[in-house]
Amino acid sequence: MIISIVGIVLIFGTIFISSQFRSNNTAPTGNDKVPKASLPATPITQPPPRFKLPPPPPKITKTIEARRGDTFVKLLLRAGVSRLDAHRATRALGKAYRPQALKEGQLIRVNFQTKSWGVKSGNFIGFEFTPNINKILKVRRTDTNLFTLQKIKVLLERVDNRISGSIDTSLYLAAVKSGMAPSSLVNLTRLFSWDVDFQRDIRKNDKFDILIERLHLENGQFKKWGQILYAELVLSGKPIRLYRMKTQRYGVEYFDERGRSAKKALMKTPIDGARLSSGYGRRRHPILGYTKVHRGVDFAAPRGTPIYAAGNGIIRYVGRKGAYGNYIKIRHNSTYSTAYAHLRNFSRNVRTGRRVTQGQIIGYVGSTGRSTGPHLHYEIIVNGRQINPLKLKLPSGRNLRGNALKSFLNIRDNLKERLSRFPK
């Protein structure tokens, strides 16, 4: 009996275990509920892809150089700007610069914005102008289609530089060999033009020595040569020294060691780089063919070379005058007048009755009137009579006295000390 009960229990246990095994190893049916899988909460570390925008269409800049008689409007028109925009942009510039002061050779940079790549034209957006090395003027078109002006000040550092040399064949060649810029040489000759005839007085082995400013940006980039602070010429063993002094009343002046002005009443040679081609006195006239008194001196120079007023004065005549061609006469005081003949043309704003200053450009070398080639015929008239300009004993300019002399002597000694820092 007991054995039978045990057998029954074993049979039912085996059936129960088999059914459980099948239920655990059989694929779920549609009626079965499958637990949902949970994903790990890890952040996404890979950024989404970035798409770069194409660069904007480029700007176009045209550099235009001013020619004689040009205006800002003409320059902008030449660059392709509309007449209306040229006038509006020039008016904006006039808030900080007088447009009439534009000089031959100055540059403007005209900017255009293109609409797409590969095109060579665009919308005018403004221009840039550098009136001097210390300032940049930018005229820009705004979003409201107006023109505004931006003034940018350029900071320059000034460093002393000494240039000296000995003359072998010419002052020009010696100066260039020593590293002097042609513009600085022109300034040097102007300083001494009241005492030195550079066509006659320069000899072999004469010497020159200058202390000059060198202007550069903060990063050391050279911009230009500045003012001559000290200048010396040794002619036939005799030194002539000049020192720079600037005052509020008189501006920049040069004086010798004793405070006497380098300026004289009149310049002996009112032209740069010219050759004396005919002196004062009797000569055989190159056109008329007979002997005639030549009541002036002739300086041969390339056509268009600037001619300077020999001294301060008032223009008494400007225009055509017979064999003289284009002619200017300046009255300097009750005693002295000067005349300039055969000019190609006259400088802008030169009119009868106008006052001119010494060294101001009044005209340009030409060959008008009775002339065989481009040159300046120059006369000095004393009490109504022409005299030889090269033999004139010119009176001295301003001489310093009192406190002005004391100030100058301090400046002179300072320049000497700065000069001594350089080997000669």
Protein backbone atom coordinates (compact mmCIF):
# COMPACT_ATOMS: atom_id res chain seq x y z
CA MET A 1 0.00 0.00 0.00
CA ILE A 2 2.75 2.35 0.93
CA ILE A 3 4.65 1.43 -2.24
CA SER A 4 1.63 2.33 -4.37
CA ILE A 5 1.30 5.78 -2.78
CA VAL A 6 5.00 6.53 -3.37
CA GLY A 7 4.69 5.51 -7.03
CA ILE A 8 1.78 7.88 -7.58
CA VAL A 9 3.70 10.79 -6.05
CA LEU A 10 6.74 10.17 -8.31
CA ILE A 11 4.54 10.06 -11.44
CA PHE A 12 2.85 13.44 -10.69
CA GLY A 13 6.17 15.07 -9.74
CA THR A 14 7.75 14.04 -13.00
CA ILE A 15 4.79 15.44 -15.01
CA PHE A 16 4.96 18.78 -13.07
CA ILE A 17 8.70 19.20 -13.61
CA SER A 18 8.39 18.47 -17.36
CA SER A 19 5.65 21.02 -17.82
CA GLN A 20 7.69 23.69 -16.05
CA PHE A 21 10.71 22.93 -18.20
CA ARG A 22 8.63 23.30 -21.41
CA SER A 23 7.14 26.56 -20.25
CA ASN A 24 10.58 28.06 -19.63
CA ASN A 25 12.04 26.96 -22.97
CA THR A 26 9.15 27.54 -25.34
CA ALA A 27 8.99 30.73 -27.53
CA PRO A 28 6.35 33.17 -26.32
CA THR A 29 3.08 33.32 -28.13
CA GLY A 30 1.06 36.35 -29.05
CA ASN A 31 -0.82 36.14 -25.82
CA ASP A 32 2.31 36.25 -23.73
CA LYS A 33 3.50 39.54 -22.19
CA VAL A 34 7.18 40.31 -22.88
CA PRO A 35 8.93 42.68 -20.45
CA LYS A 36 10.32 45.84 -22.04
CA ALA A 37 14.13 46.22 -22.24
CA SER A 38 15.58 49.33 -20.58
CA LEU A 39 18.45 51.13 -22.45
CA PRO A 40 21.40 52.53 -20.54
CA ALA A 41 21.16 56.32 -19.93
CA THR A 42 24.43 57.34 -21.60
CA PRO A 43 24.77 60.85 -23.18
CA ILE A 44 25.44 61.40 -26.90
CA THR A 45 29.06 62.58 -27.22
CA GLN A 46 29.36 63.06 -31.02
CA PRO A 47 28.34 66.64 -32.12
CA PRO A 48 26.05 67.12 -35.06
CA PRO A 49 27.79 67.93 -38.38
CA ARG A 50 28.56 71.61 -39.07
CA PHE A 51 28.13 73.23 -42.46
CA LYS A 52 30.41 76.24 -43.28
CA LEU A 53 28.82 79.16 -45.07
CA PRO A 54 30.63 80.25 -48.23
CA PRO A 55 32.70 83.45 -47.84
CA PRO A 56 31.03 86.68 -48.93
CA PRO A 57 31.84 88.07 -52.38
CA PRO A 58 35.10 90.03 -52.35
CA LYS A 59 35.56 93.78 -52.31
CA ILE A 60 37.26 95.54 -55.20
CA THR A 61 39.64 98.44 -54.59
CA LYS A 62 40.75 100.77 -57.38
CA THR A 63 43.69 103.12 -56.78
CA ILE A 64 43.39 106.39 -58.70
CA GLU A 65 46.18 108.98 -58.96
CA ALA A 66 45.38 112.68 -59.18
CA ARG A 67 46.54 114.52 -62.26
CA ARG A 68 46.95 118.26 -62.66
CA GLY A 69 43.55 119.96 -62.49
CA ASP A 70 41.80 116.92 -61.00
CA THR A 71 39.14 117.08 -58.28
CA PHE A 72 37.84 114.35 -56.00
CA VAL A 73 34.68 114.17 -58.09
CA LYS A 74 36.76 113.61 -61.25
CA LEU A 75 38.79 110.89 -59.55
CA LEU A 76 35.67 109.06 -58.40
CA LEU A 77 34.07 109.35 -61.83
CA ARG A 78 37.24 107.91 -63.35
CA ALA A 79 36.94 104.94 -60.99
CA GLY A 80 33.37 104.26 -62.18
CA VAL A 81 31.32 105.95 -59.45
CA SER A 82 28.07 107.64 -60.39
CA ARG A 83 28.10 111.43 -60.48
CA LEU A 84 25.53 111.68 -57.67
CA ASP A 85 27.51 109.41 -55.35
CA ALA A 86 30.76 111.17 -56.26
CA HIS A 87 29.36 114.54 -55.16
CA ARG A 88 27.81 113.12 -51.98
CA ALA A 89 30.99 111.31 -50.96
CA THR A 90 33.11 114.41 -51.63
CA ARG A 91 30.80 116.51 -49.45
CA ALA A 92 31.33 114.00 -46.61
CA LEU A 93 35.10 114.33 -47.01
CA GLY A 94 34.79 118.13 -46.83
CA LYS A 95 33.93 117.92 -43.12
CA ALA A 96 37.61 117.29 -42.33
CA TYR A 97 39.54 118.18 -45.49
CA ARG A 98 39.30 120.95 -48.05
CA PRO A 99 38.76 119.11 -51.37
CA GLN A 100 40.34 122.00 -53.31
CA ALA A 101 43.66 121.18 -51.59
CA LEU A 102 44.04 117.97 -53.63
CA LYS A 103 47.53 117.85 -55.17
CA GLU A 104 48.90 116.23 -58.28
CA GLY A 105 50.23 112.74 -57.54
CA GLN A 106 48.04 112.08 -54.48
CA LEU A 107 46.14 108.78 -54.42
CA ILE A 108 42.65 107.70 -53.41
CA ARG A 109 41.52 104.08 -52.95
CA VAL A 110 37.95 103.57 -54.17
CA ASN A 111 36.08 100.56 -52.76
CA PHE A 112 33.29 98.52 -54.37
CA GLN A 113 31.29 95.56 -52.99
CA THR A 114 30.63 92.83 -55.56
CA LYS A 115 27.43 90.75 -55.57
CA SER A 116 29.04 87.45 -56.54
CA TRP A 117 32.39 85.85 -57.19
CA GLY A 118 34.12 86.33 -60.52
CA VAL A 119 32.70 89.74 -61.38
CA LYS A 120 34.85 92.85 -61.80
CA SER A 121 32.34 95.51 -60.79
CA GLY A 122 30.14 96.23 -57.81
CA ASN A 123 28.36 98.81 -55.69
CA PHE A 124 30.37 101.86 -54.58
CA ILE A 125 30.78 101.68 -50.77
CA GLY A 126 33.31 104.47 -50.14
CA PHE A 127 36.91 105.58 -50.57
CA GLU A 128 40.07 106.19 -48.54
CA PHE A 129 42.43 109.17 -48.75
CA THR A 130 45.70 109.82 -46.92
CA PRO A 131 46.34 113.59 -46.88
CA ASN A 132 49.55 113.07 -44.89
CA ILE A 133 51.41 110.28 -43.14
CA ASN A 134 49.72 111.07 -39.82
CA LYS A 135 46.10 110.76 -40.95
CA ILE A 136 43.80 108.48 -42.95
CA LEU A 137 40.32 109.68 -43.99
CA LYS A 138 37.69 107.03 -44.80
CA VAL A 139 34.37 107.86 -46.44
CA ARG A 140 31.87 105.02 -46.11
CA ARG A 141 28.34 104.36 -47.32
CA THR A 142 25.97 103.50 -44.44
CA ASP A 143 23.01 101.08 -44.42
CA THR A 144 20.74 104.10 -44.87
CA ASN A 145 22.60 105.02 -48.10
CA LEU A 146 24.32 108.07 -46.58
CA PHE A 147 28.07 108.79 -46.54
CA THR A 148 29.96 109.26 -43.28
CA LEU A 149 33.55 110.24 -42.57
CA GLN A 150 35.96 108.39 -40.28
CA LYS A 151 39.26 110.01 -39.23
CA ILE A 152 42.11 107.69 -38.28
CA LYS A 153 45.26 109.06 -36.65
CA VAL A 154 48.46 107.21 -37.47
CA LEU A 155 50.99 107.23 -34.63
CA LEU A 156 54.57 107.63 -35.82
CA GLU A 157 57.82 107.46 -33.93
CA ARG A 158 60.66 109.84 -34.78
CA VAL A 159 64.27 108.69 -34.62
CA ASP A 160 67.36 110.80 -35.28
CA ASN A 161 69.51 109.80 -38.24
CA ARG A 162 72.80 111.32 -39.41
CA ILE A 163 73.80 111.42 -43.09
CA SER A 164 77.09 112.85 -44.29
CA GLY A 165 79.37 112.60 -47.29
CA SER A 166 81.97 114.14 -49.55
CA ILE A 167 81.23 115.48 -53.03
CA ASP A 168 83.17 113.97 -55.90
CA THR A 169 81.34 114.78 -59.13
CA SER A 170 78.00 116.24 -57.94
CA LEU A 171 76.06 116.87 -54.77
CA TYR A 172 73.19 114.73 -56.04
CA LEU A 173 75.32 111.63 -56.62
CA ALA A 174 77.14 112.06 -53.32
CA ALA A 175 73.87 112.49 -51.40
CA VAL A 176 72.22 109.43 -52.99
CA LYS A 177 75.36 107.36 -52.35
CA SER A 178 75.25 108.32 -48.66
CA GLY A 179 71.62 107.18 -48.35
CA MET A 180 69.85 110.53 -48.54
CA ALA A 181 66.41 110.46 -50.16
CA PRO A 182 65.93 112.77 -53.19
CA SER A 183 63.13 114.61 -51.33
CA SER A 184 65.51 115.32 -48.44
CA LEU A 185 68.14 116.59 -50.88
CA VAL A 186 65.59 119.03 -52.32
CA ASN A 187 64.90 120.30 -48.80
CA LEU A 188 68.63 120.63 -48.14
CA THR A 189 69.21 122.71 -51.26
CA ARG A 190 66.27 124.95 -50.37
CA LEU A 191 67.74 125.63 -46.93
CA PHE A 192 70.95 126.97 -48.44
CA SER A 193 69.48 128.51 -51.60
CA TRP A 194 69.71 132.02 -50.08
CA ASP A 195 73.50 131.67 -49.67
CA VAL A 196 74.64 129.07 -52.19
CA ASP A 197 74.43 128.92 -55.96
CA PHE A 198 74.41 125.16 -56.40
CA GLN A 199 75.41 125.45 -60.05
CA ARG A 200 78.54 127.52 -59.38
CA ASP A 201 79.58 127.21 -55.73
CA ILE A 202 79.88 123.42 -55.37
CA ARG A 203 83.41 122.01 -55.78
CA LYS A 204 85.03 118.59 -55.57
CA ASN A 205 85.79 117.50 -51.97
CA ASP A 206 83.13 119.84 -50.54
CA LYS A 207 81.19 118.14 -47.74
CA PHE A 208 77.68 117.91 -46.33
CA ASP A 209 76.34 116.70 -42.99
CA ILE A 210 72.73 116.56 -41.78
CA LEU A 211 70.74 115.36 -38.76
CA ILE A 212 67.32 114.26 -39.99
CA GLU A 213 64.24 112.59 -38.53
CA ARG A 214 63.35 109.06 -39.59
CA LEU A 215 59.62 108.35 -39.19
CA HIS A 216 58.30 104.82 -38.68
CA LEU A 217 55.35 102.94 -37.19
CA GLU A 218 55.41 101.30 -33.78
CA ASN A 219 56.32 97.96 -35.39
CA GLY A 220 59.42 99.55 -36.93
CA GLN A 221 58.07 99.85 -40.47
CA PHE A 222 59.69 102.84 -42.17
CA LYS A 223 57.26 105.47 -43.48
CA LYS A 224 59.26 108.48 -44.64
CA TRP A 225 62.04 110.92 -43.89
CA GLY A 226 61.05 113.82 -41.68
CA GLN A 227 62.43 117.28 -40.96
CA ILE A 228 66.08 118.25 -41.31
CA LEU A 229 67.09 119.28 -37.78
CA TYR A 230 70.64 120.37 -38.58
CA ALA A 231 72.47 120.92 -41.85
CA GLU A 232 76.06 121.76 -42.71
CA LEU A 233 77.78 122.47 -46.01
CA VAL A 234 81.56 122.85 -46.17
CA LEU A 235 82.35 124.79 -49.34
CA SER A 236 86.02 125.35 -50.20
CA GLY A 237 86.85 124.63 -46.56
CA LYS A 238 84.33 127.12 -45.11
CA PRO A 239 81.44 125.62 -43.11
CA ILE A 240 77.87 126.93 -43.22
CA ARG A 241 75.73 125.50 -40.40
CA LEU A 242 71.98 125.83 -39.93
CA TYR A 243 69.75 124.75 -37.02
CA ARG A 244 66.01 124.20 -37.02
CA MET A 245 63.74 126.11 -34.65
CA LYS A 246 59.93 126.07 -34.48
CA THR A 247 57.87 128.77 -32.77
CA GLN A 248 54.15 129.34 -32.54
CA ARG A 249 54.35 132.76 -34.15
CA TYR A 250 56.79 132.15 -37.00
CA GLY A 251 56.55 128.39 -37.55
CA VAL A 252 59.65 126.50 -38.73
CA GLU A 253 62.79 128.57 -39.33
CA TYR A 254 66.51 127.90 -39.71
CA PHE A 255 69.27 129.98 -38.16
CA ASP A 256 73.04 129.98 -38.12
CA GLU A 257 75.01 129.46 -34.92
CA ARG A 258 74.51 133.07 -33.84
CA GLY A 259 70.78 133.16 -34.41
CA ARG A 260 70.76 134.85 -37.81
CA SER A 261 68.06 133.67 -40.20
CA ALA A 262 68.97 131.46 -43.15
CA LYS A 263 66.38 133.31 -45.22
CA LYS A 264 67.32 136.37 -47.18
CA ALA A 265 65.06 138.89 -48.84
CA LEU A 266 65.15 137.03 -52.18
CA MET A 267 66.21 133.62 -53.49
CA LYS A 268 69.12 133.58 -55.93
CA THR A 269 67.75 130.53 -57.75
CA PRO A 270 63.94 130.13 -57.52
CA ILE A 271 64.00 126.68 -59.11
CA ASP A 272 65.28 123.22 -58.12
CA GLY A 273 67.82 121.20 -60.12
CA ALA A 274 68.20 123.71 -62.93
CA ARG A 275 71.31 124.46 -64.98
CA LEU A 276 72.46 128.03 -65.56
CA SER A 277 72.29 128.21 -69.35
CA SER A 278 72.77 131.94 -69.92
CA GLY A 279 74.14 134.64 -67.63
CA TYR A 280 73.48 138.33 -67.28
CA GLY A 281 75.04 140.82 -69.77
CA ARG A 282 75.76 141.22 -73.47
CA ARG A 283 75.40 138.14 -75.64
CA ARG A 284 74.54 137.11 -79.16
CA HIS A 285 70.81 136.49 -79.14
CA PRO A 286 70.08 132.87 -80.15
CA ILE A 287 67.03 133.83 -82.24
CA LEU A 288 67.58 137.42 -83.39
CA GLY A 289 71.22 136.73 -84.29
CA TYR A 290 72.73 140.01 -83.06
CA THR A 291 74.38 141.11 -79.83
CA LYS A 292 71.94 142.27 -77.19
CA VAL A 293 72.04 142.87 -73.44
CA HIS A 294 70.51 139.94 -71.58
CA ARG A 295 68.91 141.54 -68.53
CA GLY A 296 68.46 138.41 -66.47
CA VAL A 297 69.69 134.84 -66.09
CA ASP A 298 68.34 131.70 -67.74
CA PHE A 299 67.94 128.36 -65.95
CA ALA A 300 67.46 125.38 -68.25
CA ALA A 301 65.16 122.74 -66.77
CA PRO A 302 62.71 120.07 -67.95
CA ARG A 303 59.31 121.30 -69.05
CA GLY A 304 56.93 121.42 -66.08
CA THR A 305 59.59 121.95 -63.39
CA PRO A 306 58.07 124.03 -60.52
CA ILE A 307 59.09 127.70 -60.18
CA TYR A 308 59.04 129.36 -56.75
CA ALA A 309 58.35 132.88 -55.62
CA ALA A 310 61.76 134.31 -54.72
CA GLY A 311 60.33 136.13 -51.72
CA ASN A 312 57.18 137.31 -50.01
CA GLY A 313 55.27 139.83 -52.06
CA ILE A 314 52.27 140.78 -54.18
CA ILE A 315 51.74 139.69 -57.80
CA ARG A 316 51.66 142.78 -60.02
CA TYR A 317 51.38 141.03 -63.38
CA VAL A 318 50.43 137.56 -64.56
CA GLY A 319 49.72 136.72 -68.19
CA ARG A 320 51.13 136.90 -71.69
CA LYS A 321 53.79 139.57 -72.29
CA GLY A 322 55.22 139.68 -75.81
CA ALA A 323 58.60 138.00 -76.25
CA TYR A 324 58.57 136.98 -72.57
CA GLY A 325 55.68 134.59 -73.22
CA ASN A 326 53.82 133.65 -70.06
CA TYR A 327 55.14 136.09 -67.49
CA ILE A 328 54.84 136.85 -63.75
CA LYS A 329 56.07 139.92 -61.89
CA ILE A 330 56.14 140.09 -58.08
CA ARG A 331 56.68 143.25 -56.02
CA HIS A 332 58.45 142.35 -52.77
CA ASN A 333 58.84 145.82 -51.25
CA SER A 334 59.45 149.39 -52.33
CA THR A 335 62.89 148.45 -53.68
CA TYR A 336 62.81 144.89 -54.99
CA SER A 337 60.73 143.11 -57.63
CA THR A 338 61.30 139.83 -59.49
CA ALA A 339 60.14 138.61 -62.91
CA TYR A 340 59.71 135.10 -64.35
CA ALA A 341 59.33 134.49 -68.09
CA HIS A 342 58.66 131.75 -70.70
CA LEU A 343 56.45 129.76 -68.28
CA ARG A 344 54.41 126.89 -69.63
CA ASN A 345 51.50 127.78 -67.34
CA PHE A 346 50.69 129.35 -64.01
CA SER A 347 49.98 127.71 -60.70
CA ARG A 348 46.40 127.55 -59.49
CA ASN A 349 45.25 130.63 -57.53
CA VAL A 350 48.00 132.85 -58.98
CA ARG A 351 46.23 136.11 -59.79
CA THR A 352 47.15 139.77 -60.06
CA GLY A 353 46.94 141.36 -56.63
CA ARG A 354 47.35 138.07 -54.76
CA ARG A 355 49.94 137.80 -52.00
CA VAL A 356 52.54 135.02 -52.28
CA THR A 357 55.05 133.65 -49.79
CA GLN A 358 58.69 132.79 -50.32
CA GLY A 359 59.07 129.30 -51.80
CA GLN A 360 55.44 129.09 -52.99
CA ILE A 361 55.00 127.48 -56.43
CA ILE A 362 53.81 130.14 -58.88
CA GLY A 363 54.28 128.41 -62.24
CA TYR A 364 56.05 125.79 -64.30
CA VAL A 365 58.96 125.85 -66.75
CA GLY A 366 58.03 126.15 -70.39
CA SER A 367 59.16 127.66 -73.68
CA THR A 368 56.52 130.27 -74.49
CA GLY A 369 57.37 133.54 -76.20
CA ARG A 370 60.73 134.07 -77.92
CA SER A 371 62.50 130.93 -76.72
CA THR A 372 64.58 128.09 -78.13
CA GLY A 373 63.77 125.53 -75.43
CA PRO A 374 62.29 125.03 -71.96
CA HIS A 375 63.90 127.33 -69.40
CA LEU A 376 63.19 130.01 -66.81
CA HIS A 377 64.24 133.60 -67.52
CA TYR A 378 64.66 135.20 -64.10
CA GLU A 379 65.10 138.90 -63.35
CA ILE A 380 65.69 140.86 -60.16
CA ILE A 381 64.61 144.47 -60.44
CA VAL A 382 66.00 147.06 -58.00
CA ASN A 383 64.38 150.51 -58.08
CA GLY A 384 63.02 149.80 -61.55
CA ARG A 385 66.27 148.49 -63.09
CA GLN A 386 67.24 144.88 -63.83
CA ILE A 387 70.45 143.76 -62.13
CA ASN A 388 72.49 140.57 -62.12
CA PRO A 389 70.73 138.23 -59.66
CA LEU A 390 73.89 136.23 -59.01
CA LYS A 391 75.86 139.28 -57.84
CA LEU A 392 73.16 140.76 -55.64
CA LYS A 393 74.15 141.26 -52.00
CA LEU A 394 70.97 140.17 -50.27
CA PRO A 395 70.01 141.61 -46.88
CA SER A 396 69.58 139.16 -44.00
CA GLY A 397 66.23 137.98 -42.69
CA ARG A 398 65.06 137.92 -39.07
CA ASN A 399 67.80 137.91 -36.43
CA LEU A 400 67.01 136.55 -32.95
CA ARG A 401 67.39 138.67 -29.84
CA GLY A 402 66.55 138.51 -26.14
CA ASN A 403 64.48 135.55 -24.96
CA ALA A 404 64.07 134.25 -28.52
CA LEU A 405 67.86 134.04 -28.85
CA LYS A 406 68.15 132.24 -25.50
CA SER A 407 65.57 129.67 -26.58
CA PHE A 408 67.38 129.14 -29.86
CA LEU A 409 70.77 128.67 -28.16
CA ASN A 410 69.25 125.93 -25.98
CA ILE A 411 67.86 124.23 -29.08
CA ARG A 412 71.20 124.58 -30.86
CA ASP A 413 73.13 123.01 -27.97
CA ASN A 414 70.60 120.16 -27.74
CA LEU A 415 70.99 119.42 -31.46
CA LYS A 416 74.77 119.45 -31.11
CA GLU A 417 74.54 116.91 -28.28
CA ARG A 418 72.23 114.66 -30.33
CA LEU A 419 74.57 114.97 -33.29
CA SER A 420 77.55 113.90 -31.18
CA ARG A 421 75.91 110.52 -30.54
CA PHE A 422 76.64 109.51 -34.14
CA PRO A 423 80.07 108.88 -35.66
CA LYS A 424 80.82 111.33 -38.44
